[in-house]
């Protein structure tokens, strides 16, 4: 019987190290993201007890409140790319410097929130939802604007900690914020223990308060004595035009891609699905809530692999970075395919027992979940590869890939299938399925080309491929 060669043993050890590193970096982010997903799920569950109209409104209002913030959040979140590569290169003071630039960038959220408060009436009237849904959407949306600033600062700080291999800090902050949000939801939505019954406004206010608490906790940790001693977090707080310019150059495509990706789904929800009536909108929002259970953990792994890729590129270890991405891709595919199968099989019962007893809503929601199950493996490619490419700074190419596939393929096809052919929400979701498959194949093709290994993100240095 032949003995394993030294090469095979080394490959096995290397693979185990890769799995260990991906798990170490990703599981706290996954847990933090799952707690956020559970929070959103509980929000809709609690609001669903008020009726179909509030459920439709909280889904649409929440989507648009997040959508309009994503351009800035994408730029600010790209702080992690610079922090991870600086950490890998051993330039620890740069980790703090780039994070502070991300915090300063977050102040633009105050201006953004003010503009959106002014145009919010026109935004929701354009969607032509029922008057009852539109009224409640506006209530929810306007309160959420007060959470823009803490959310933007929190993005910069949440990008910092995984990039220095401290992923548990954002996890603890997320869990605390979500527990607070859940408790405030119960008090403010239903008016318990002497609190006013605010219904959908209470759900929005609870989210804003939890965002502030979560960000304050992250900022306190960022300035803690241990991190200050190692990274100089209280010393290197000065505005740095060169680093701000670098962050904007690499982060703008991320922000645009993030905004346009979410924006096309918001158009899909508000202007296409919404025109088919309250039942279709409610079923769509329920399906999206379940889908979060599939893709949010994968998004968390994507955040982790982005930091890992950045660190190994900073050390100029290209092959190690590639191996970590392969492991992450395998894990995400396995998880998302399993979840998609479970939702396709048991989706009807879950919708009935958790969200709605309305037969039309239950049946349509289940059909949408079956379609979603078909694209899970491709969505795993999309999410994982986009995170890896972001960690390398290959942001311009990803942006154009998302823009072209979304606005030249996805949305036109949704209009044709849903409206022109008269297939309604089901036809529109068929187009979403085809779009996700195409985008997943495009992004994994870019990753396999290895052109991302040649990207330079720092203006004063180079990272070369081995």
Protein backbone atom coordinates (compact mmCIF):
# COMPACT_ATOMS: atom_id res chain seq x y z
CA UNK A 1 0.00 0.00 0.00
CA UNK A 2 1.53 3.31 -1.11
CA UNK A 3 2.32 5.99 1.42
CA UNK A 4 1.19 9.60 0.87
CA UNK A 5 3.90 11.77 -0.63
CA UNK A 6 5.35 14.83 1.07
CA UNK A 7 3.69 16.97 -1.58
CA UNK A 8 0.25 15.52 -0.83
CA UNK A 9 0.78 15.98 2.91
CA UNK A 10 1.77 19.61 2.40
CA UNK A 11 -1.25 20.22 0.19
CA UNK A 12 -3.52 18.67 2.84
CA UNK A 13 -1.99 20.81 5.59
CA UNK A 14 -2.27 23.92 3.40
CA UNK A 15 -5.92 23.16 2.67
CA UNK A 16 -6.67 22.69 6.36
CA UNK A 17 -4.96 26.00 7.14
CA UNK A 18 -7.06 27.70 4.48
CA UNK A 19 -10.30 26.28 5.90
CA UNK A 20 -9.23 27.29 9.42
CA UNK A 21 -8.43 30.86 8.36
CA UNK A 22 -11.67 31.28 6.42
CA UNK A 23 -13.68 29.96 9.36
CA UNK A 24 -11.83 32.13 11.87
CA UNK A 25 -12.42 35.27 9.82
CA UNK A 26 -15.93 34.48 8.62
CA UNK A 27 -17.90 32.88 11.43
CA UNK A 28 -18.12 36.04 13.58
CA UNK A 29 -19.15 38.02 10.51
CA UNK A 30 -21.68 35.34 9.61
CA UNK A 31 -23.10 35.38 13.14
CA UNK A 32 -23.27 39.18 13.14
CA UNK A 33 -24.95 39.19 9.73
CA UNK A 34 -27.34 36.46 10.77
CA UNK A 35 -28.33 38.51 13.79
CA UNK A 36 -29.04 41.42 11.42
CA UNK A 37 -31.03 39.09 9.15
CA UNK A 38 -32.98 37.79 12.13
CA UNK A 39 -33.65 41.42 13.13
CA UNK A 40 -35.07 42.23 9.67
CA UNK A 41 -37.03 38.98 9.75
CA UNK A 42 -38.47 39.80 13.17
CA UNK A 43 -39.29 43.35 12.07
CA UNK A 44 -41.41 42.05 9.22
CA UNK A 45 -42.92 39.32 11.39
CA UNK A 46 -44.00 41.86 14.01
CA UNK A 47 -45.29 44.34 11.45
CA UNK A 48 -47.08 41.51 9.60
CA UNK A 49 -49.36 41.14 12.62
CA UNK A 50 -50.74 44.59 11.73
CA UNK A 51 -51.89 43.46 8.27
CA UNK A 52 -50.88 43.10 4.62
CA UNK A 53 -50.57 46.85 3.98
CA UNK A 54 -47.99 47.49 6.76
CA UNK A 55 -46.05 44.39 5.66
CA UNK A 56 -45.89 45.65 2.06
CA UNK A 57 -44.90 49.13 3.27
CA UNK A 58 -42.09 48.08 5.63
CA UNK A 59 -40.52 45.93 2.93
CA UNK A 60 -40.57 48.63 0.26
CA UNK A 61 -39.69 51.47 2.67
CA UNK A 62 -36.81 49.48 4.11
CA UNK A 63 -35.45 48.59 0.68
CA UNK A 64 -35.44 52.22 -0.44
CA UNK A 65 -33.96 53.57 2.80
CA UNK A 66 -31.04 51.17 2.38
CA UNK A 67 -30.78 51.66 -1.38
CA UNK A 68 -30.32 55.41 -1.21
CA UNK A 69 -27.45 55.01 1.27
CA UNK A 70 -25.49 52.38 -0.64
CA UNK A 71 -23.37 54.68 -2.82
CA UNK A 72 -21.79 56.24 0.26
CA UNK A 73 -21.70 52.97 2.19
CA UNK A 74 -19.84 51.27 -0.64
CA UNK A 75 -17.15 53.97 -0.68
CA UNK A 76 -16.80 54.00 3.09
CA UNK A 77 -16.77 50.21 3.30
CA UNK A 78 -13.83 50.05 0.90
CA UNK A 79 -11.76 51.26 3.86
CA UNK A 80 -11.32 47.57 4.60
CA UNK A 81 -9.41 46.97 1.35
CA UNK A 82 -6.75 49.52 2.33
CA UNK A 83 -6.66 48.43 5.97
CA UNK A 84 -6.23 44.75 5.05
CA UNK A 85 -3.42 45.36 2.56
CA UNK A 86 -1.70 47.79 4.95
CA UNK A 87 -1.97 45.18 7.70
CA UNK A 88 -0.48 42.55 5.42
CA UNK A 89 2.42 44.88 4.55
CA UNK A 90 3.07 45.56 8.23
CA UNK A 91 2.19 49.30 8.01
CA UNK A 92 -0.03 49.29 11.08
CA UNK A 93 -0.34 53.05 11.44
CA UNK A 94 -1.88 53.19 7.96
CA UNK A 95 -4.72 50.99 9.22
CA UNK A 96 -5.84 53.79 11.54
CA UNK A 97 -5.19 56.53 8.98
CA UNK A 98 -7.39 54.96 6.31
CA UNK A 99 -10.14 54.20 8.83
CA UNK A 100 -10.27 57.83 9.92
CA UNK A 101 -10.64 58.90 6.29
CA UNK A 102 -13.60 56.54 6.01
CA UNK A 103 -15.14 58.13 9.12
CA UNK A 104 -14.71 61.60 7.62
CA UNK A 105 -16.31 60.41 4.39
CA UNK A 106 -19.33 59.29 6.45
CA UNK A 107 -20.24 62.91 7.22
CA UNK A 108 -21.58 63.16 3.67
CA UNK A 109 -24.49 61.06 4.93
CA UNK A 110 -25.90 64.13 6.70
CA UNK A 111 -26.24 65.96 3.40
CA UNK A 112 -27.67 62.85 1.72
CA UNK A 113 -30.32 62.38 4.41
CA UNK A 114 -31.39 66.02 4.10
CA UNK A 115 -31.84 65.76 0.33
CA UNK A 116 -33.82 62.52 0.62
CA UNK A 117 -36.11 64.04 3.25
CA UNK A 118 -37.02 66.75 0.73
CA UNK A 119 -37.67 64.45 -2.25
CA UNK A 120 -39.21 61.49 -0.40
CA UNK A 121 -42.81 62.43 -1.33
CA UNK A 122 -42.03 62.38 -5.05
CA UNK A 123 -39.98 59.19 -4.75
CA UNK A 124 -42.79 57.11 -3.30
CA UNK A 125 -45.58 58.71 -5.34
CA UNK A 126 -43.70 57.69 -8.52
CA UNK A 127 -44.07 54.03 -7.54
CA UNK A 128 -47.87 54.28 -7.78
CA UNK A 129 -48.53 51.95 -4.87
CA UNK A 130 -51.90 52.09 -3.17
CA UNK A 131 -52.45 55.28 -1.10
CA UNK A 132 -52.46 53.26 2.14
CA UNK A 133 -49.12 51.60 1.36
CA UNK A 134 -47.53 54.88 0.17
CA UNK A 135 -48.52 56.70 3.38
CA UNK A 136 -46.93 54.07 5.60
CA UNK A 137 -43.85 53.77 3.37
CA UNK A 138 -43.16 57.49 3.86
CA UNK A 139 -43.50 57.24 7.63
CA UNK A 140 -41.02 54.36 7.80
CA UNK A 141 -38.57 55.86 5.29
CA UNK A 142 -38.31 59.34 6.85
CA UNK A 143 -37.52 58.02 10.32
CA UNK A 144 -34.85 55.70 8.91
CA UNK A 145 -32.99 58.74 7.51
CA UNK A 146 -31.89 59.61 11.08
CA UNK A 147 -29.83 56.41 11.06
CA UNK A 148 -27.77 57.29 7.98
CA UNK A 149 -24.86 58.86 9.84
CA UNK A 150 -24.32 56.09 12.43
CA UNK A 151 -24.76 53.49 9.69
CA UNK A 152 -22.04 55.12 7.53
CA UNK A 153 -19.59 55.47 10.44
CA UNK A 154 -20.39 51.91 11.46
CA UNK A 155 -19.51 50.68 7.97
CA UNK A 156 -16.05 52.24 8.17
CA UNK A 157 -15.43 50.76 11.61
CA UNK A 158 -16.90 47.36 10.74
CA UNK A 159 -14.49 47.24 7.78
CA UNK A 160 -11.53 48.02 10.03
CA UNK A 161 -11.86 45.18 12.54
CA UNK A 162 -12.00 42.14 10.19
CA UNK A 163 -9.14 43.63 8.18
CA UNK A 164 -6.87 43.48 11.25
CA UNK A 165 -8.10 39.95 12.05
CA UNK A 166 -10.47 41.10 14.82
CA UNK A 167 -13.80 40.03 13.29
CA UNK A 168 -15.51 39.33 16.61
CA UNK A 169 -15.80 43.00 17.57
CA UNK A 170 -18.43 43.89 14.92
CA UNK A 171 -20.21 40.63 15.77
CA UNK A 172 -20.64 41.62 19.42
CA UNK A 173 -21.80 45.10 18.44
CA UNK A 174 -24.29 43.67 15.92
CA UNK A 175 -25.74 41.22 18.41
CA UNK A 176 -26.15 43.95 21.03
CA UNK A 177 -27.80 46.28 18.52
CA UNK A 178 -30.17 43.58 17.32
CA UNK A 179 -31.23 42.57 20.83
CA UNK A 180 -31.98 46.22 21.58
CA UNK A 181 -33.88 46.56 18.31
CA UNK A 182 -35.98 43.48 19.03
CA UNK A 183 -36.93 44.75 22.47
CA UNK A 184 -37.73 48.24 21.21
CA UNK A 185 -39.81 46.76 18.39
CA UNK A 186 -42.02 44.98 20.90
CA UNK A 187 -42.41 48.12 23.00
CA UNK A 188 -42.92 50.65 20.21
CA UNK A 189 -44.84 48.72 17.55
CA UNK A 190 -47.49 47.40 19.92
CA UNK A 191 -47.28 50.03 22.68
CA UNK A 192 -46.33 47.72 25.56
CA UNK A 193 -45.46 48.67 29.18
CA UNK A 194 -46.67 52.25 28.85
CA UNK A 195 -44.87 53.05 25.59
CA UNK A 196 -46.93 54.64 22.78
CA UNK A 197 -48.33 52.34 20.09
CA UNK A 198 -46.40 53.62 17.05
CA UNK A 199 -46.92 50.62 14.74
CA UNK A 200 -44.72 50.94 11.60
CA UNK A 201 -43.12 54.15 12.91
CA UNK A 202 -42.06 52.23 16.02
CA UNK A 203 -40.29 49.61 13.92
CA UNK A 204 -38.33 52.33 12.10
CA UNK A 205 -37.43 54.23 15.28
CA UNK A 206 -36.23 51.03 16.97
CA UNK A 207 -33.89 50.38 14.05
CA UNK A 208 -32.41 53.89 14.21
CA UNK A 209 -31.78 53.72 17.97
CA UNK A 210 -30.07 50.33 17.65
CA UNK A 211 -27.86 51.69 14.83
CA UNK A 212 -26.62 54.52 17.04
CA UNK A 213 -25.86 52.18 19.96
CA UNK A 214 -24.03 49.71 17.71
CA UNK A 215 -21.84 52.43 16.17
CA UNK A 216 -20.99 54.00 19.53
CA UNK A 217 -19.80 50.61 20.75
CA UNK A 218 -17.60 50.13 17.67
CA UNK A 219 -16.10 53.60 18.01
CA UNK A 220 -15.31 53.03 21.68
CA UNK A 221 -13.49 49.82 20.78
CA UNK A 222 -11.61 51.57 17.96
CA UNK A 223 -10.26 54.14 20.45
CA UNK A 224 -9.52 51.56 23.17
CA UNK A 225 -6.04 51.61 24.78
CA UNK A 226 -4.95 48.30 23.23
CA UNK A 227 -5.76 49.31 19.67
CA UNK A 228 -4.37 52.80 20.19
CA UNK A 229 -1.06 51.37 21.40
CA UNK A 230 -0.73 49.08 18.37
CA UNK A 231 -2.27 51.18 15.59
CA UNK A 232 -2.32 54.74 16.94
CA UNK A 233 -6.09 55.10 16.57
CA UNK A 234 -6.12 58.27 18.69
CA UNK A 235 -3.01 59.72 17.06
CA UNK A 236 -3.53 59.40 13.30
CA UNK A 237 -6.91 61.11 13.11
CA UNK A 238 -5.88 63.99 10.84
CA UNK A 239 -7.56 64.52 7.49
CA UNK A 240 -5.28 63.14 4.77
CA UNK A 241 -6.11 64.30 1.24
CA UNK A 242 -3.90 61.70 -0.48
CA UNK A 243 -5.42 58.77 1.38
CA UNK A 244 -8.91 60.20 0.98
CA UNK A 245 -8.28 60.41 -2.77
CA UNK A 246 -7.09 56.77 -2.84
CA UNK A 247 -10.14 55.66 -0.88
CA UNK A 248 -12.43 57.55 -3.24
CA UNK A 249 -10.68 56.21 -6.37
CA UNK A 250 -11.03 52.55 -5.36
CA UNK A 251 -14.22 52.96 -3.33
CA UNK A 252 -16.32 54.92 -5.83
CA UNK A 253 -16.74 51.95 -8.20
CA UNK A 254 -17.66 49.80 -5.19
CA UNK A 255 -20.21 52.37 -4.08
CA UNK A 256 -21.64 52.74 -7.58
CA UNK A 257 -21.81 48.97 -8.06
CA UNK A 258 -23.42 48.52 -4.66
CA UNK A 259 -25.89 51.35 -5.26
CA UNK A 260 -26.81 50.30 -8.79
CA UNK A 261 -27.17 46.65 -7.75
CA UNK A 262 -29.49 47.52 -4.88
CA UNK A 263 -31.14 50.24 -6.96
CA UNK A 264 -32.06 47.82 -9.72
CA UNK A 265 -33.64 45.51 -7.13
CA UNK A 266 -35.47 48.51 -5.69
CA UNK A 267 -36.77 49.39 -9.14
CA UNK A 268 -37.68 45.73 -9.52
CA UNK A 269 -39.59 45.85 -6.20
CA UNK A 270 -41.14 49.30 -6.36
CA UNK A 271 -41.85 49.90 -10.04
CA UNK A 272 -42.32 46.39 -11.46
CA UNK A 273 -43.52 44.06 -8.67
CA UNK A 274 -45.40 46.91 -6.97
CA UNK A 275 -47.61 47.54 -9.99
CA UNK A 276 -49.04 44.01 -9.74
CA UNK A 277 -50.84 44.85 -6.46
CA UNK A 278 -50.51 44.45 -2.70
CA UNK A 279 -50.59 40.63 -2.83
CA UNK A 280 -47.67 40.43 -5.25
CA UNK A 281 -45.69 43.01 -3.26
CA UNK A 282 -46.32 41.21 0.02
CA UNK A 283 -45.37 37.82 -1.48
CA UNK A 284 -42.23 39.35 -2.98
CA UNK A 285 -41.20 40.90 0.34
CA UNK A 286 -41.75 37.58 2.12
CA UNK A 287 -39.62 35.76 -0.46
CA UNK A 288 -36.85 38.36 -0.09
CA UNK A 289 -36.95 37.91 3.70
CA UNK A 290 -36.37 34.18 3.32
CA UNK A 291 -33.71 34.79 0.70
CA UNK A 292 -31.75 36.83 3.26
CA UNK A 293 -31.29 33.60 5.18
CA UNK A 294 -29.57 32.22 2.07
CA UNK A 295 -27.35 35.06 0.97
CA UNK A 296 -26.56 37.09 4.11
CA UNK A 297 -24.20 34.43 5.55
CA UNK A 298 -22.57 34.24 2.11
CA UNK A 299 -22.21 38.03 2.10
CA UNK A 300 -20.53 37.72 5.50
CA UNK A 301 -18.09 35.15 4.10
CA UNK A 302 -17.51 37.55 1.20
CA UNK A 303 -16.55 40.29 3.67
CA UNK A 304 -14.18 37.89 5.39
CA UNK A 305 -12.59 36.69 2.17
CA UNK A 306 -12.16 40.32 1.05
CA UNK A 307 -10.09 41.00 4.16
CA UNK A 308 -8.16 37.73 3.73
CA UNK A 309 -7.36 38.45 0.08
CA UNK A 310 -6.23 41.96 0.99
CA UNK A 311 -3.93 40.69 3.75
CA UNK A 312 -2.29 38.03 1.57
CA UNK A 313 -1.87 40.42 -1.33
CA UNK A 314 -0.20 42.81 1.11
CA UNK A 315 2.22 39.98 1.90
CA UNK A 316 2.55 39.28 -1.86
CA UNK A 317 1.31 35.72 -1.47
CA UNK A 318 -0.94 35.40 -4.53
CA UNK A 319 -1.35 31.62 -4.46
CA UNK A 320 -2.44 31.65 -0.82
CA UNK A 321 -5.04 34.33 -1.59
CA UNK A 322 -6.44 32.23 -4.44
CA UNK A 323 -6.65 29.15 -2.24
CA UNK A 324 -8.64 31.04 0.39
CA UNK A 325 -11.12 32.15 -2.24
CA UNK A 326 -11.57 28.57 -3.50
CA UNK A 327 -12.35 27.39 0.04
CA UNK A 328 -14.81 30.25 0.60
CA UNK A 329 -16.54 29.54 -2.70
CA UNK A 330 -16.99 25.87 -1.81
CA UNK A 331 -18.46 26.73 1.61
CA UNK A 332 -20.87 29.33 0.22
CA UNK A 333 -22.08 27.05 -2.56
CA UNK A 334 -22.78 24.23 -0.13
CA UNK A 335 -24.69 26.44 2.28
CA UNK A 336 -26.76 28.35 -0.27
CA UNK A 337 -27.76 25.27 -2.28
CA UNK A 338 -28.88 23.52 0.92
CA UNK A 339 -30.93 26.53 2.09
CA UNK A 340 -32.48 26.97 -1.35
CA UNK A 341 -33.58 23.34 -1.39
CA UNK A 342 -35.15 23.60 2.08
CA UNK A 343 -37.04 26.79 1.20
CA UNK A 344 -38.29 25.29 -2.06
CA UNK A 345 -39.61 22.20 -0.26
CA UNK A 346 -40.96 23.76 2.95
CA UNK A 347 -41.53 27.36 1.82
CA UNK A 348 -45.32 27.16 1.63
CA UNK A 349 -45.66 25.96 5.21
CA UNK A 350 -43.15 28.52 6.49
CA UNK A 351 -44.94 31.42 4.81
CA UNK A 352 -48.30 30.26 6.14
CA UNK A 353 -47.18 29.78 9.75
CA UNK A 354 -44.88 32.84 9.99
CA UNK A 355 -46.11 35.61 7.71
CA UNK A 356 -49.56 35.29 6.19
CA UNK A 357 -52.67 33.12 6.08
CA UNK A 358 -53.72 34.77 2.81
CA UNK A 359 -53.89 31.89 0.30
CA UNK A 360 -52.84 34.06 -2.66
CA UNK A 361 -49.83 35.45 -0.81
CA UNK A 362 -48.75 31.98 0.37
CA UNK A 363 -49.00 30.34 -3.05
CA UNK A 364 -47.24 33.11 -4.95
CA UNK A 365 -44.54 33.45 -2.28
CA UNK A 366 -43.79 29.73 -2.49
CA UNK A 367 -43.46 29.85 -6.29
CA UNK A 368 -40.99 32.71 -5.97
CA UNK A 369 -38.93 30.70 -3.48
CA UNK A 370 -38.79 27.77 -5.91
CA UNK A 371 -37.36 30.09 -8.57
CA UNK A 372 -34.86 31.48 -6.07
CA UNK A 373 -33.68 27.97 -5.24
CA UNK A 374 -32.64 27.50 -8.87
CA UNK A 375 -30.00 30.26 -8.81
CA UNK A 376 -28.40 29.68 -5.42
CA UNK A 377 -25.17 28.14 -6.71
CA UNK A 378 -24.67 31.04 -9.13
CA UNK A 379 -25.46 33.63 -6.45
CA UNK A 380 -22.72 32.01 -4.34
CA UNK A 381 -20.28 32.60 -7.22
CA UNK A 382 -21.46 36.19 -7.51
CA UNK A 383 -21.15 37.02 -3.82
CA UNK A 384 -17.85 35.24 -3.13
CA UNK A 385 -16.02 36.42 -6.24
CA UNK A 386 -17.15 40.03 -5.85
CA UNK A 387 -15.73 40.01 -2.30
CA UNK A 388 -12.43 38.55 -3.46
CA UNK A 389 -12.12 41.07 -6.29
CA UNK A 390 -12.97 43.91 -3.91
CA UNK A 391 -10.19 42.81 -1.56
CA UNK A 392 -7.77 43.04 -4.49
CA UNK A 393 -9.05 46.48 -5.50
CA UNK A 394 -10.48 45.21 -8.80
CA UNK A 395 -13.51 47.43 -8.34
CA UNK A 396 -13.94 49.19 -11.70
CA UNK A 397 -14.40 45.94 -13.64
CA UNK A 398 -16.92 44.58 -11.13
CA UNK A 399 -18.90 47.80 -11.32
CA UNK A 400 -19.23 47.65 -15.11
CA UNK A 401 -20.11 43.94 -15.03
CA UNK A 402 -22.98 44.62 -12.62
CA UNK A 403 -24.22 47.71 -14.47
CA UNK A 404 -24.29 46.05 -17.89
CA UNK A 405 -25.94 42.81 -16.77
CA UNK A 406 -28.51 44.63 -14.62
CA UNK A 407 -29.59 47.47 -16.87
CA UNK A 408 -29.11 45.86 -20.28
CA UNK A 409 -30.43 42.42 -19.32
CA UNK A 410 -32.21 42.05 -15.97
CA UNK A 411 -34.60 45.01 -15.84
CA UNK A 412 -35.56 45.02 -19.54
CA UNK A 413 -36.24 41.29 -19.35
CA UNK A 414 -38.32 41.78 -16.18
CA UNK A 415 -40.46 44.37 -17.97
CA UNK A 416 -40.97 42.06 -20.95
CA UNK A 417 -41.75 38.94 -18.91
CA UNK A 418 -43.70 40.60 -16.14
CA UNK A 419 -45.59 43.37 -17.93
CA UNK A 420 -45.50 42.91 -21.72
CA UNK A 421 -46.15 39.16 -21.66
CA UNK A 422 -48.47 39.53 -18.67
CA UNK A 423 -46.76 36.93 -16.50
CA UNK A 424 -46.84 39.20 -13.46
CA UNK A 425 -44.54 38.79 -10.47
CA UNK A 426 -43.69 35.21 -11.44
CA UNK A 427 -42.43 36.29 -14.87
CA UNK A 428 -40.39 39.10 -13.34
CA UNK A 429 -38.74 36.61 -10.98
CA UNK A 430 -37.85 34.35 -13.92
CA UNK A 431 -35.82 37.28 -15.28
CA UNK A 432 -34.17 37.68 -11.87
CA UNK A 433 -33.18 34.02 -11.95
CA UNK A 434 -31.58 34.32 -15.40
CA UNK A 435 -29.79 37.54 -14.39
CA UNK A 436 -28.24 35.96 -11.29
CA UNK A 437 -26.99 33.00 -13.32
CA UNK A 438 -25.37 35.25 -15.93
CA UNK A 439 -23.73 37.56 -13.37
CA UNK A 440 -22.34 34.63 -11.38
CA UNK A 441 -20.70 33.17 -14.47
CA UNK A 442 -19.26 36.56 -15.47
CA UNK A 443 -17.69 37.21 -12.05
CA UNK A 444 -16.19 33.76 -11.63
CA UNK A 445 -14.72 34.14 -15.11
CA UNK A 446 -13.03 37.36 -14.02
CA UNK A 447 -11.64 35.69 -10.91
CA UNK A 448 -10.25 32.74 -12.87
CA UNK A 449 -8.55 35.12 -15.31
CA UNK A 450 -6.30 36.28 -12.38
CA UNK A 451 -6.09 39.82 -13.74
CA UNK A 452 -7.02 41.02 -10.26
CA UNK A 453 -3.56 39.98 -9.05
CA UNK A 454 -2.03 42.93 -10.97
CA UNK A 455 -4.17 45.67 -9.38
CA UNK A 456 -2.35 48.51 -7.56
CA UNK A 457 -4.39 50.43 -4.98
CA UNK A 458 -1.68 52.52 -3.26
CA UNK A 459 -0.37 55.61 -5.03
CA UNK A 460 3.08 55.32 -3.44
CA UNK A 461 3.77 51.57 -3.78
CA UNK A 462 3.11 48.50 -5.87
CA UNK A 463 1.93 44.97 -5.24
CA UNK A 464 3.30 42.58 -7.83
CA UNK A 465 2.11 39.10 -8.68
CA UNK A 466 4.37 36.17 -8.04
